[in-house]
Amino acid sequence: MIAGFLKKYLSELTGIINMVDGKEFEALINELTSAYEQQANIFVCGNGGSAATASHFACDMNKGVSFGKEKRFRVICLNDSIPMIMAYSNDVSYESIFVEQLKNFMNEGDLLIGVSGSGNSENVLRAVRYVNESKGKTFGICGYGGGRLKDTAQKALVVNSNDMQKVEDAHLIILHCVMQWFNVADK
């Protein structure tokens, strides 16, 4: 029974991964490549499991791809400073935790990657709107049909599932594919 559950879960996850749109993945690679070539900042943010995915991605790109190289990716995870998030949450609003940080660091042409399983995280959506209005670039990574993030971000990659854990699994797998693409492309 337990082994059957595992096999079913992994089979469903494989099916979801196999539905990922290659053109959307290519668009993500192209946005990251452009930011890298221009030495633009790449901001990433998310909530809950998506916050962990965003933080993991920043580590993978900053260390896993950039270590030992003269020219490096410049990835900043906006949910990694707990004191900053708590201060803005308490004094302004939870919906503003990413926008307020972007006001300190974002430059025209920088890229924001918003990760949201549902595609409806208000703080991620506000950050995307702010970057859009500030002449930056935005990319949404979402599930559940894309939610509002799919249409708010300039470009998006949508995982076609309504199962949050499988959406989060797929997001991490996709971002690991991004990391490996850059490691392979560099050789």
Foldseek 3Di string as FASTA:
>chain_A
DVVVVVVVVVVVLVVLLVPWDPVLLVVVLVLQVVCQVVVAEEEEEEDDLSLVLLVVLQCCQQPVQAPPHPRGHHYHYLPPDVVQCVCCCVPPNNLQSRVVVCVVPHDAAHEYEYEYACLDRNSSLVNLQSQVVRNYAYEYEYENVNHVNCVSHPGYTYRDDPPSVSSSVSSNVSSVVSSVVSVVVVD
